[in-house]
Amino acid sequence: MNEIIKAEHLEKVFGDQKAVDNLSFTVHRGETLGLLGPNGAGKTTTIKMLIGLIKPTRGGAIIGGYDVQENPIEVKELFGISPQELSFDHHLSLIEDLYFYVRLYGLSRKEAKERVKETLKWARLENHAEKIGYQLSGGMQRRLLMARAMVTDPPILFLDEPTTGLDPQARHALWDYILDLKERGKTIILTTHYLEEAEMLCDRVIIIDYGKKIAEGTPDELKHILKVENIVTIKPRNSISQRVIEEIKEFTGVEDAIWHDSSLKIYLKDEYVLELIISLILTDAGILEMDIKRASLEDVFLHLTGKELRE
């Protein structure tokens, strides 16, 4: 795969706050890269620097062979963006909104009308073409933003929190549209704080917290950071003593044990030790609930940061 996006030592400082801290990465043609992190981690600021909306304090980016700061017009012709914020004109219908958007990119009237018609059909919004954006449901609004991003058929798409604010059903429906874009060979940078979303849609994930990259890899590669196959979560009847937690950590077959949110998370390399762990906790504190699951990106984030993903 050919490199199409390269960010080098991106940094952005607002006053005394460093929103993005020395962030470097590359994206290959046709790849979907996820920037995963909580709200306030620096994901949107990174996107804004990549599209030339704000100037980096330090560092820079190359998109399609063009420097973002030195060749902003050439760069803007290569991408479409679905922003996190809803932004619709109160007077333009969907068909007018998309038509004027396409015309800004220099397409003829005939080409623009045809492109808008095809895009509305793709987004399943053709029956709402005469409505304005604010009259649509939340899921339809997100589909309209996606339609606006791809109506010019750019090779690169920036999807900034594309499913934020949606209920689970609408979120899963929007995933189908993103998967279709992947099948069309689009290069996508997707920001999200939904771990399941990153695991489902992204070829590669960069975990960001407080503006810094703390891990990078495919979802499977990131899971291997844990060096475990299964995560056991035990909610005790009474508090587990620190002595017992430390003893569990020393067991052969246990990678780590973390007390979090009134439960003990145990990272298992080998399941054979589970019976001994259960016996020890039953004696020390009793057990109210127990759950065993395969390692996920959520477990990786908790392992790397010591905390759950902030909303």
C-alpha atoms as a PDB file:
ATOM      1  CA  MET A   1       0.000   0.000   0.000  1.00  0.00           C
ATOM      2  CA  ASN A   2       1.188   3.508  -0.819  1.00  0.00           C
ATOM      3  CA  GLU A   3       1.496   6.164   1.854  1.00  0.00           C
ATOM      4  CA  ILE A   4      -1.078   8.917   1.257  1.00  0.00           C
ATOM      5  CA  ILE A   5      -1.076  10.791   4.596  1.00  0.00           C
ATOM      6  CA  LYS A   6       1.912  11.534   6.775  1.00  0.00           C
ATOM      7  CA  ALA A   7       1.770  13.500  10.032  1.00  0.00           C
ATOM      8  CA  GLU A   8       5.110  14.481  11.524  1.00  0.00           C
ATOM      9  CA  HIS A   9       5.539  15.629  15.130  1.00  0.00           C
ATOM     10  CA  LEU A  10       2.171  17.421  15.212  1.00  0.00           C
ATOM     11  CA  GLU A  11       1.777  19.655  18.228  1.00  0.00           C
ATOM     12  CA  LYS A  12      -0.874  22.198  19.148  1.00  0.00           C
ATOM     13  CA  VAL A  13      -0.804  24.434  22.190  1.00  0.00           C
ATOM     14  CA  PHE A  14      -3.722  26.587  23.327  1.00  0.00           C
ATOM     15  CA  GLY A  15      -2.500  28.972  26.017  1.00  0.00           C
ATOM     16  CA  ASP A  16      -0.883  26.756  28.642  1.00  0.00           C
ATOM     17  CA  GLN A  17      -2.649  23.583  27.429  1.00  0.00           C
ATOM     18  CA  LYS A  18      -1.002  21.175  24.995  1.00  0.00           C
ATOM     19  CA  ALA A  19      -3.927  19.652  23.081  1.00  0.00           C
ATOM     20  CA  VAL A  20      -1.754  17.521  20.764  1.00  0.00           C
ATOM     21  CA  ASP A  21       1.711  16.410  21.826  1.00  0.00           C
ATOM     22  CA  ASN A  22       4.308  15.267  19.261  1.00  0.00           C
ATOM     23  CA  LEU A  23       1.946  13.069  17.249  1.00  0.00           C
ATOM     24  CA  SER A  24       3.373  11.238  14.220  1.00  0.00           C
ATOM     25  CA  PHE A  25       1.743   8.606  12.014  1.00  0.00           C
ATOM     26  CA  THR A  26       1.195   7.534   8.419  1.00  0.00           C
ATOM     27  CA  VAL A  27      -1.904   6.298   6.581  1.00  0.00           C
ATOM     28  CA  HIS A  28      -1.751   4.081   3.508  1.00  0.00           C
ATOM     29  CA  ARG A  29      -4.011   4.327   0.484  1.00  0.00           C
ATOM     30  CA  GLY A  30      -7.266   2.447   1.090  1.00  0.00           C
ATOM     31  CA  GLU A  31      -6.633   2.057   4.822  1.00  0.00           C
ATOM     32  CA  THR A  32      -9.008   3.012   7.621  1.00  0.00           C
ATOM     33  CA  LEU A  33      -7.106   4.492  10.561  1.00  0.00           C
ATOM     34  CA  GLY A  34      -8.899   5.037  13.847  1.00  0.00           C
ATOM     35  CA  LEU A  35      -7.899   7.748  16.308  1.00  0.00           C
ATOM     36  CA  LEU A  36      -9.294   6.323  19.524  1.00  0.00           C
ATOM     37  CA  GLY A  37      -9.507   8.269  22.741  1.00  0.00           C
ATOM     38  CA  PRO A  38     -11.844  10.049  25.152  1.00  0.00           C
ATOM     39  CA  ASN A  39     -13.363  13.460  24.554  1.00  0.00           C
ATOM     40  CA  GLY A  40     -10.612  16.016  25.069  1.00  0.00           C
ATOM     41  CA  ALA A  41      -7.849  13.630  23.970  1.00  0.00           C
ATOM     42  CA  GLY A  42      -6.879  15.799  20.971  1.00  0.00           C
ATOM     43  CA  LYS A  43      -8.531  13.818  18.155  1.00  0.00           C
ATOM     44  CA  THR A  44     -10.560  16.665  16.630  1.00  0.00           C
ATOM     45  CA  THR A  45      -7.646  19.085  16.972  1.00  0.00           C
ATOM     46  CA  THR A  46      -5.511  16.588  15.047  1.00  0.00           C
ATOM     47  CA  ILE A  47      -8.112  16.410  12.273  1.00  0.00           C
ATOM     48  CA  LYS A  48      -8.316  20.208  12.083  1.00  0.00           C
ATOM     49  CA  MET A  49      -4.536  20.422  11.641  1.00  0.00           C
ATOM     50  CA  LEU A  50      -4.604  17.737   8.941  1.00  0.00           C
ATOM     51  CA  ILE A  51      -7.270  19.553   6.905  1.00  0.00           C
ATOM     52  CA  GLY A  52      -5.592  22.942   7.318  1.00  0.00           C
ATOM     53  CA  LEU A  53      -8.301  24.461   9.495  1.00  0.00           C
ATOM     54  CA  ILE A  54      -5.848  25.342  12.249  1.00  0.00           C
ATOM     55  CA  LYS A  55      -2.088  25.781  12.091  1.00  0.00           C
ATOM     56  CA  PRO A  56       0.122  23.451  14.141  1.00  0.00           C
ATOM     57  CA  THR A  57       2.280  24.970  16.846  1.00  0.00           C
ATOM     58  CA  ARG A  58       4.963  22.570  15.653  1.00  0.00           C
ATOM     59  CA  GLY A  59       5.244  19.848  13.041  1.00  0.00           C
ATOM     60  CA  GLY A  60       3.273  19.386   9.840  1.00  0.00           C
ATOM     61  CA  ALA A  61       1.483  17.001   7.520  1.00  0.00           C
ATOM     62  CA  ILE A  62       1.740  15.789   3.928  1.00  0.00           C
ATOM     63  CA  ILE A  63      -1.435  14.633   2.143  1.00  0.00           C
ATOM     64  CA  GLY A  64      -1.278  13.150  -1.347  1.00  0.00           C
ATOM     65  CA  GLY A  65       2.235  14.520  -1.742  1.00  0.00           C
ATOM     66  CA  TYR A  66       1.212  18.079  -0.826  1.00  0.00           C
ATOM     67  CA  ASP A  67       2.221  19.985   2.284  1.00  0.00           C
ATOM     68  CA  VAL A  68      -0.988  20.967   4.103  1.00  0.00           C
ATOM     69  CA  GLN A  69       0.287  24.433   5.015  1.00  0.00           C
ATOM     70  CA  GLU A  70       2.059  25.243   1.750  1.00  0.00           C
ATOM     71  CA  ASN A  71      -0.511  23.767  -0.682  1.00  0.00           C
ATOM     72  CA  PRO A  72      -3.914  24.090   1.025  1.00  0.00           C
ATOM     73  CA  ILE A  73      -5.978  24.269  -2.201  1.00  0.00           C
ATOM     74  CA  GLU A  74      -4.457  21.125  -3.683  1.00  0.00           C
ATOM     75  CA  VAL A  75      -4.919  19.277  -0.387  1.00  0.00           C
ATOM     76  CA  LYS A  76      -8.577  20.290  -0.006  1.00  0.00           C
ATOM     77  CA  GLU A  77      -9.376  18.764  -3.402  1.00  0.00           C
ATOM     78  CA  LEU A  78      -8.309  15.365  -2.076  1.00  0.00           C
ATOM     79  CA  PHE A  79     -10.611  14.961   0.900  1.00  0.00           C
ATOM     80  CA  GLY A  80     -14.132  15.226   2.234  1.00  0.00           C
ATOM     81  CA  ILE A  81     -14.994  15.682   5.897  1.00  0.00           C
ATOM     82  CA  SER A  82     -17.883  14.678   8.105  1.00  0.00           C
ATOM     83  CA  PRO A  83     -17.483  16.989  11.117  1.00  0.00           C
ATOM     84  CA  GLN A  84     -18.432  16.194  14.691  1.00  0.00           C
ATOM     85  CA  GLU A  85     -20.613  19.309  14.927  1.00  0.00           C
ATOM     86  CA  LEU A  86     -23.925  19.446  13.081  1.00  0.00           C
ATOM     87  CA  SER A  87     -23.854  22.315  10.586  1.00  0.00           C
ATOM     88  CA  PHE A  88     -26.832  22.822   8.278  1.00  0.00           C
ATOM     89  CA  ASP A  89     -28.204  25.899   6.575  1.00  0.00           C
ATOM     90  CA  HIS A  90     -31.655  26.873   7.860  1.00  0.00           C
ATOM     91  CA  HIS A  91     -32.815  27.800   4.358  1.00  0.00           C
ATOM     92  CA  LEU A  92     -31.316  25.168   2.047  1.00  0.00           C
ATOM     93  CA  SER A  93     -32.931  21.815   1.340  1.00  0.00           C
ATOM     94  CA  LEU A  94     -30.789  18.689   1.256  1.00  0.00           C
ATOM     95  CA  ILE A  95     -30.627  18.753  -2.530  1.00  0.00           C
ATOM     96  CA  GLU A  96     -29.672  22.450  -2.564  1.00  0.00           C
ATOM     97  CA  ASP A  97     -27.107  21.951   0.214  1.00  0.00           C
ATOM     98  CA  LEU A  98     -25.298  19.186  -1.666  1.00  0.00           C
ATOM     99  CA  TYR A  99     -25.643  20.926  -5.046  1.00  0.00           C
ATOM    100  CA  PHE A 100     -23.943  24.135  -3.912  1.00  0.00           C
ATOM    101  CA  TYR A 101     -21.301  22.087  -2.082  1.00  0.00           C
ATOM    102  CA  VAL A 102     -20.437  20.213  -5.286  1.00  0.00           C
ATOM    103  CA  ARG A 103     -20.453  23.378  -7.389  1.00  0.00           C
ATOM    104  CA  LEU A 104     -17.830  24.884  -5.082  1.00  0.00           C
ATOM    105  CA  TYR A 105     -15.533  22.107  -6.310  1.00  0.00           C
ATOM    106  CA  GLY A 106     -15.964  23.204  -9.911  1.00  0.00           C
ATOM    107  CA  LEU A 107     -18.327  20.588 -11.308  1.00  0.00           C
ATOM    108  CA  SER A 108     -20.709  21.672 -14.067  1.00  0.00           C
ATOM    109  CA  ARG A 109     -24.417  22.089 -13.338  1.00  0.00           C
ATOM    110  CA  LYS A 110     -25.216  18.824 -15.096  1.00  0.00           C
ATOM    111  CA  GLU A 111     -22.457  16.913 -13.308  1.00  0.00           C
ATOM    112  CA  ALA A 112     -23.436  18.423  -9.963  1.00  0.00           C
ATOM    113  CA  LYS A 113     -27.107  17.451 -10.323  1.00  0.00           C
ATOM    114  CA  GLU A 114     -26.195  13.893 -11.262  1.00  0.00           C
ATOM    115  CA  ARG A 115     -23.698  13.571  -8.406  1.00  0.00           C
ATOM    116  CA  VAL A 116     -26.236  14.910  -5.880  1.00  0.00           C
ATOM    117  CA  LYS A 117     -28.894  12.494  -7.132  1.00  0.00           C
ATOM    118  CA  GLU A 118     -26.526   9.516  -6.803  1.00  0.00           C
ATOM    119  CA  THR A 119     -25.335  10.575  -3.354  1.00  0.00           C
ATOM    120  CA  LEU A 120     -28.827  11.110  -1.926  1.00  0.00           C
ATOM    121  CA  LYS A 121     -29.751   7.641  -3.173  1.00  0.00           C
ATOM    122  CA  TRP A 122     -26.609   6.176  -1.580  1.00  0.00           C
ATOM    123  CA  ALA A 123     -27.484   7.805   1.747  1.00  0.00           C
ATOM    124  CA  ARG A 124     -31.135   6.732   1.405  1.00  0.00           C
ATOM    125  CA  LEU A 125     -32.209  10.352   1.730  1.00  0.00           C
ATOM    126  CA  GLU A 126     -33.831  10.789  -1.691  1.00  0.00           C
ATOM    127  CA  ASN A 127     -37.321  10.838  -0.134  1.00  0.00           C
ATOM    128  CA  HIS A 128     -36.244  13.715   2.139  1.00  0.00           C
ATOM    129  CA  ALA A 129     -34.472  15.788  -0.533  1.00  0.00           C
ATOM    130  CA  GLU A 130     -36.730  18.835  -0.073  1.00  0.00           C
ATOM    131  CA  LYS A 131     -36.311  18.975   3.718  1.00  0.00           C
ATOM    132  CA  ILE A 132     -33.662  21.028   5.512  1.00  0.00           C
ATOM    133  CA  GLY A 133     -31.047  19.287   7.624  1.00  0.00           C
ATOM    134  CA  TYR A 134     -32.509  20.278  10.965  1.00  0.00           C
ATOM    135  CA  GLN A 135     -35.801  18.541  10.088  1.00  0.00           C
ATOM    136  CA  LEU A 136     -34.102  15.141   9.923  1.00  0.00           C
ATOM    137  CA  SER A 137     -33.660  12.574  12.665  1.00  0.00           C
ATOM    138  CA  GLY A 138     -30.247  12.226  14.302  1.00  0.00           C
ATOM    139  CA  GLY A 139     -29.304   9.220  12.202  1.00  0.00           C
ATOM    140  CA  MET A 140     -30.372  10.951   8.981  1.00  0.00           C
ATOM    141  CA  GLN A 141     -28.384  14.054   9.911  1.00  0.00           C
ATOM    142  CA  ARG A 142     -25.263  11.941  10.323  1.00  0.00           C
ATOM    143  CA  ARG A 143     -25.939  10.304   6.951  1.00  0.00           C
ATOM    144  CA  LEU A 144     -26.302  13.778   5.401  1.00  0.00           C
ATOM    145  CA  LEU A 145     -22.905  14.807   6.790  1.00  0.00           C
ATOM    146  CA  MET A 146     -21.464  11.596   5.349  1.00  0.00           C
ATOM    147  CA  ALA A 147     -23.135  12.328   2.009  1.00  0.00           C
ATOM    148  CA  ARG A 148     -21.675  15.834   1.968  1.00  0.00           C
ATOM    149  CA  ALA A 149     -18.216  14.395   2.636  1.00  0.00           C
ATOM    150  CA  MET A 150     -18.351  11.968  -0.282  1.00  0.00           C
ATOM    151  CA  VAL A 151     -20.471  13.855  -2.831  1.00  0.00           C
ATOM    152  CA  THR A 152     -17.337  15.021  -4.674  1.00  0.00           C
ATOM    153  CA  ASP A 153     -15.993  11.431  -4.623  1.00  0.00           C
ATOM    154  CA  PRO A 154     -12.687  12.306  -2.914  1.00  0.00           C
ATOM    155  CA  PRO A 155     -10.063   9.608  -2.291  1.00  0.00           C
ATOM    156  CA  ILE A 156      -9.728  10.584   1.410  1.00  0.00           C
ATOM    157  CA  LEU A 157     -12.438  10.961   4.043  1.00  0.00           C
ATOM    158  CA  PHE A 158     -12.131  12.407   7.535  1.00  0.00           C
ATOM    159  CA  LEU A 159     -14.953  11.146   9.753  1.00  0.00           C
ATOM    160  CA  ASP A 160     -14.850  12.979  13.075  1.00  0.00           C
ATOM    161  CA  GLU A 161     -16.960  11.120  15.657  1.00  0.00           C
ATOM    162  CA  PRO A 162     -19.403  10.084  12.898  1.00  0.00           C
ATOM    163  CA  THR A 163     -21.818   8.267  15.226  1.00  0.00           C
ATOM    164  CA  THR A 164     -21.727  10.550  18.261  1.00  0.00           C
ATOM    165  CA  GLY A 165     -25.108  11.135  19.868  1.00  0.00           C
ATOM    166  CA  LEU A 166     -26.774   8.216  18.100  1.00  0.00           C
ATOM    167  CA  ASP A 167     -28.610   5.346  19.744  1.00  0.00           C
ATOM    168  CA  PRO A 168     -27.069   1.866  19.259  1.00  0.00           C
ATOM    169  CA  GLN A 169     -29.423   0.958  16.396  1.00  0.00           C
ATOM    170  CA  ALA A 170     -28.660   4.128  14.410  1.00  0.00           C
ATOM    171  CA  ARG A 171     -24.948   3.749  15.164  1.00  0.00           C
ATOM    172  CA  HIS A 172     -24.830   0.218  13.784  1.00  0.00           C
ATOM    173  CA  ALA A 173     -26.768   1.353  10.697  1.00  0.00           C
ATOM    174  CA  LEU A 174     -24.183   4.069  10.028  1.00  0.00           C
ATOM    175  CA  TRP A 175     -21.400   1.508  10.327  1.00  0.00           C
ATOM    176  CA  ASP A 176     -22.784  -0.141   7.180  1.00  0.00           C
ATOM    177  CA  TYR A 177     -22.225   3.096   5.247  1.00  0.00           C
ATOM    178  CA  ILE A 178     -18.641   3.333   6.497  1.00  0.00           C
ATOM    179  CA  LEU A 179     -18.009  -0.301   5.580  1.00  0.00           C
ATOM    180  CA  ASP A 180     -19.320   0.479   2.086  1.00  0.00           C
ATOM    181  CA  LEU A 181     -16.854   3.368   1.810  1.00  0.00           C
ATOM    182  CA  LYS A 182     -14.057   0.975   2.835  1.00  0.00           C
ATOM    183  CA  GLU A 183     -15.143  -1.421   0.084  1.00  0.00           C
ATOM    184  CA  ARG A 184     -14.952   1.451  -2.408  1.00  0.00           C
ATOM    185  CA  GLY A 185     -11.274   1.840  -1.533  1.00  0.00           C
ATOM    186  CA  LYS A 186     -11.529   5.159   0.291  1.00  0.00           C
ATOM    187  CA  THR A 187      -8.755   6.157   2.661  1.00  0.00           C
ATOM    188  CA  ILE A 188     -10.427   7.009   5.964  1.00  0.00           C
ATOM    189  CA  ILE A 189      -9.328   8.624   9.202  1.00  0.00           C
ATOM    190  CA  LEU A 190     -12.024   8.037  11.770  1.00  0.00           C
ATOM    191  CA  THR A 191     -12.061   9.498  15.268  1.00  0.00           C
ATOM    192  CA  THR A 192     -14.095   7.802  17.958  1.00  0.00           C
ATOM    193  CA  HIS A 193     -14.383   7.191  21.675  1.00  0.00           C
ATOM    194  CA  TYR A 194     -16.399   4.013  21.074  1.00  0.00           C
ATOM    195  CA  LEU A 195     -14.086   1.034  21.458  1.00  0.00           C
ATOM    196  CA  GLU A 196     -16.454  -1.335  19.677  1.00  0.00           C
ATOM    197  CA  GLU A 197     -16.576   1.073  16.735  1.00  0.00           C
ATOM    198  CA  ALA A 198     -12.799   1.159  16.380  1.00  0.00           C
ATOM    199  CA  GLU A 199     -12.603  -2.616  16.609  1.00  0.00           C
ATOM    200  CA  MET A 200     -15.329  -3.083  13.986  1.00  0.00           C
ATOM    201  CA  LEU A 201     -14.279  -0.502  11.386  1.00  0.00           C
ATOM    202  CA  CYS A 202     -10.558   0.213  11.611  1.00  0.00           C
ATOM    203  CA  ASP A 203      -7.654  -1.578   9.973  1.00  0.00           C
ATOM    204  CA  ARG A 204      -5.301   0.138  12.383  1.00  0.00           C
ATOM    205  CA  VAL A 205      -5.853   2.100  15.593  1.00  0.00           C
ATOM    206  CA  ILE A 206      -3.890   4.814  17.376  1.00  0.00           C
ATOM    207  CA  ILE A 207      -4.870   5.204  21.033  1.00  0.00           C
ATOM    208  CA  ILE A 208      -4.561   8.829  22.147  1.00  0.00           C
ATOM    209  CA  ASP A 209      -4.888  10.219  25.652  1.00  0.00           C
ATOM    210  CA  TYR A 210      -4.170  13.814  26.685  1.00  0.00           C
ATOM    211  CA  GLY A 211      -2.799  14.541  23.212  1.00  0.00           C
ATOM    212  CA  LYS A 212      -0.196  11.763  23.239  1.00  0.00           C
ATOM    213  CA  LYS A 213      -0.028   8.538  21.292  1.00  0.00           C
ATOM    214  CA  ILE A 214       0.117   5.722  23.819  1.00  0.00           C
ATOM    215  CA  ALA A 215      -0.264   2.746  21.480  1.00  0.00           C
ATOM    216  CA  GLU A 216      -0.628   1.921  17.779  1.00  0.00           C
ATOM    217  CA  GLY A 217      -1.451  -1.214  15.807  1.00  0.00           C
ATOM    218  CA  THR A 218      -4.206  -3.351  14.381  1.00  0.00           C
ATOM    219  CA  PRO A 219      -6.969  -4.237  16.869  1.00  0.00           C
ATOM    220  CA  ASP A 220      -5.465  -7.729  17.207  1.00  0.00           C
ATOM    221  CA  GLU A 221      -1.943  -6.370  17.679  1.00  0.00           C
ATOM    222  CA  LEU A 222      -3.154  -4.021  20.413  1.00  0.00           C
ATOM    223  CA  LYS A 223      -4.872  -6.882  22.201  1.00  0.00           C
ATOM    224  CA  HIS A 224      -1.568  -8.742  22.222  1.00  0.00           C
ATOM    225  CA  ILE A 225      -0.156  -5.930  24.373  1.00  0.00           C
ATOM    226  CA  LEU A 226      -2.012  -7.589  27.214  1.00  0.00           C
ATOM    227  CA  LYS A 227      -0.273 -10.921  26.539  1.00  0.00           C
ATOM    228  CA  VAL A 228      -3.507 -12.589  27.620  1.00  0.00           C
ATOM    229  CA  GLU A 229      -6.388 -14.485  26.067  1.00  0.00           C
ATOM    230  CA  ASN A 230      -9.103 -13.959  28.667  1.00  0.00           C
ATOM    231  CA  ILE A 231     -10.161 -11.328  31.189  1.00  0.00           C
ATOM    232  CA  VAL A 232     -11.896 -12.452  34.375  1.00  0.00           C
ATOM    233  CA  THR A 233     -13.920  -9.823  36.243  1.00  0.00           C
ATOM    234  CA  ILE A 234     -14.925 -10.732  39.782  1.00  0.00           C
ATOM    235  CA  LYS A 235     -17.214  -8.616  41.948  1.00  0.00           C
ATOM    236  CA  PRO A 236     -16.646  -9.738  45.543  1.00  0.00           C
ATOM    237  CA  ARG A 237     -19.220  -9.895  48.322  1.00  0.00           C
ATOM    238  CA  ASN A 238     -16.815  -7.971  50.577  1.00  0.00           C
ATOM    239  CA  SER A 239     -13.620  -6.017  49.862  1.00  0.00           C
ATOM    240  CA  ILE A 240     -10.701  -8.133  48.706  1.00  0.00           C
ATOM    241  CA  SER A 241      -7.598  -7.573  50.814  1.00  0.00           C
ATOM    242  CA  GLN A 242      -4.560  -6.079  49.096  1.00  0.00           C
ATOM    243  CA  ARG A 243      -2.582  -9.113  50.289  1.00  0.00           C
ATOM    244  CA  VAL A 244      -4.815 -11.425  48.258  1.00  0.00           C
ATOM    245  CA  ILE A 245      -4.604  -9.204  45.164  1.00  0.00           C
ATOM    246  CA  GLU A 246      -0.809  -9.233  45.359  1.00  0.00           C
ATOM    247  CA  GLU A 247      -0.844 -13.007  45.843  1.00  0.00           C
ATOM    248  CA  ILE A 248      -3.015 -13.446  42.738  1.00  0.00           C
ATOM    249  CA  LYS A 249      -0.597 -11.301  40.716  1.00  0.00           C
ATOM    250  CA  GLU A 250       2.207 -13.733  41.594  1.00  0.00           C
ATOM    251  CA  PHE A 251       0.362 -16.804  40.305  1.00  0.00           C
ATOM    252  CA  THR A 252       1.871 -18.438  37.240  1.00  0.00           C
ATOM    253  CA  GLY A 253      -0.626 -17.878  34.447  1.00  0.00           C
ATOM    254  CA  VAL A 254      -1.692 -14.412  35.664  1.00  0.00           C
ATOM    255  CA  GLU A 255      -0.380 -11.400  33.742  1.00  0.00           C
ATOM    256  CA  ASP A 256      -1.953  -8.746  35.974  1.00  0.00           C
ATOM    257  CA  ALA A 257      -4.768  -8.059  38.427  1.00  0.00           C
ATOM    258  CA  ILE A 258      -6.363  -4.605  38.746  1.00  0.00           C
ATOM    259  CA  TRP A 259      -8.918  -3.438  41.301  1.00  0.00           C
ATOM    260  CA  HIS A 260     -11.316  -1.118  39.459  1.00  0.00           C
ATOM    261  CA  ASP A 261     -14.867   0.075  40.040  1.00  0.00           C
ATOM    262  CA  SER A 262     -15.570  -2.339  42.920  1.00  0.00           C
ATOM    263  CA  SER A 263     -14.375  -5.319  40.888  1.00  0.00           C
ATOM    264  CA  LEU A 264     -11.143  -7.203  40.356  1.00  0.00           C
ATOM    265  CA  LYS A 265     -10.011  -7.592  36.726  1.00  0.00           C
ATOM    266  CA  ILE A 266      -7.639 -10.524  36.273  1.00  0.00           C
ATOM    267  CA  TYR A 267      -5.680 -10.876  33.037  1.00  0.00           C
ATOM    268  CA  LEU A 268      -5.166 -14.598  32.383  1.00  0.00           C
ATOM    269  CA  LYS A 269      -2.478 -16.162  30.213  1.00  0.00           C
ATOM    270  CA  ASP A 270      -3.550 -19.674  31.249  1.00  0.00           C
ATOM    271  CA  GLU A 271      -7.014 -20.667  32.447  1.00  0.00           C
ATOM    272  CA  TYR A 272      -5.826 -23.548  34.617  1.00  0.00           C
ATOM    273  CA  VAL A 273      -5.073 -21.134  37.476  1.00  0.00           C
ATOM    274  CA  LEU A 274      -8.678 -19.855  37.590  1.00  0.00           C
ATOM    275  CA  GLU A 275      -9.864 -22.522  40.040  1.00  0.00           C
ATOM    276  CA  LEU A 276      -7.156 -21.517  42.522  1.00  0.00           C
ATOM    277  CA  ILE A 277      -8.061 -17.815  42.163  1.00  0.00           C
ATOM    278  CA  ILE A 278     -11.752 -18.471  42.767  1.00  0.00           C
ATOM    279  CA  SER A 279     -11.000 -20.562  45.836  1.00  0.00           C
ATOM    280  CA  LEU A 280      -8.767 -17.839  47.282  1.00  0.00           C
ATOM    281  CA  ILE A 281     -11.304 -15.037  46.737  1.00  0.00           C
ATOM    282  CA  LEU A 282     -14.189 -17.141  48.086  1.00  0.00           C
ATOM    283  CA  THR A 283     -12.231 -17.628  51.285  1.00  0.00           C
ATOM    284  CA  ASP A 284     -11.153 -13.983  51.570  1.00  0.00           C
ATOM    285  CA  ALA A 285     -14.204 -11.990  50.425  1.00  0.00           C
ATOM    286  CA  GLY A 286     -16.825 -14.154  48.761  1.00  0.00           C
ATOM    287  CA  ILE A 287     -18.085 -13.695  45.195  1.00  0.00           C
ATOM    288  CA  LEU A 288     -21.240 -11.906  44.034  1.00  0.00           C
ATOM    289  CA  GLU A 289     -20.624 -11.952  40.276  1.00  0.00           C
ATOM    290  CA  MET A 290     -18.039 -13.332  37.873  1.00  0.00           C
ATOM    291  CA  ASP A 291     -17.580 -12.790  34.140  1.00  0.00           C
ATOM    292  CA  ILE A 292     -15.077 -14.281  31.685  1.00  0.00           C
ATOM    293  CA  LYS A 293     -14.509 -12.757  28.249  1.00  0.00           C
ATOM    294  CA  ARG A 294     -11.965 -12.478  25.486  1.00  0.00           C
ATOM    295  CA  ALA A 295      -9.598  -9.507  25.581  1.00  0.00           C
ATOM    296  CA  SER A 296     -10.929  -6.355  23.851  1.00  0.00           C
ATOM    297  CA  LEU A 297      -9.702  -2.852  23.010  1.00  0.00           C
ATOM    298  CA  GLU A 298     -11.477  -1.665  26.155  1.00  0.00           C
ATOM    299  CA  ASP A 299      -9.240  -3.916  28.222  1.00  0.00           C
ATOM    300  CA  VAL A 300      -6.183  -2.627  26.368  1.00  0.00           C
ATOM    301  CA  PHE A 301      -7.135   0.982  27.113  1.00  0.00           C
ATOM    302  CA  LEU A 302      -7.722   0.197  30.783  1.00  0.00           C
ATOM    303  CA  HIS A 303      -4.417  -1.644  30.960  1.00  0.00           C
ATOM    304  CA  LEU A 304      -2.465   1.220  29.331  1.00  0.00           C
ATOM    305  CA  THR A 305      -4.081   4.120  31.180  1.00  0.00           C
ATOM    306  CA  GLY A 306      -5.356   2.560  34.408  1.00  0.00           C
ATOM    307  CA  LYS A 307      -8.814   4.032  33.761  1.00  0.00           C
ATOM    308  CA  GLU A 308     -11.862   3.514  31.600  1.00  0.00           C
ATOM    309  CA  LEU A 309     -12.429   5.529  28.453  1.00  0.00           C
ATOM    310  CA  ARG A 310     -13.929   8.912  29.409  1.00  0.00           C
ATOM    311  CA  GLU A 311     -17.089   9.952  27.610  1.00  0.00           C
END
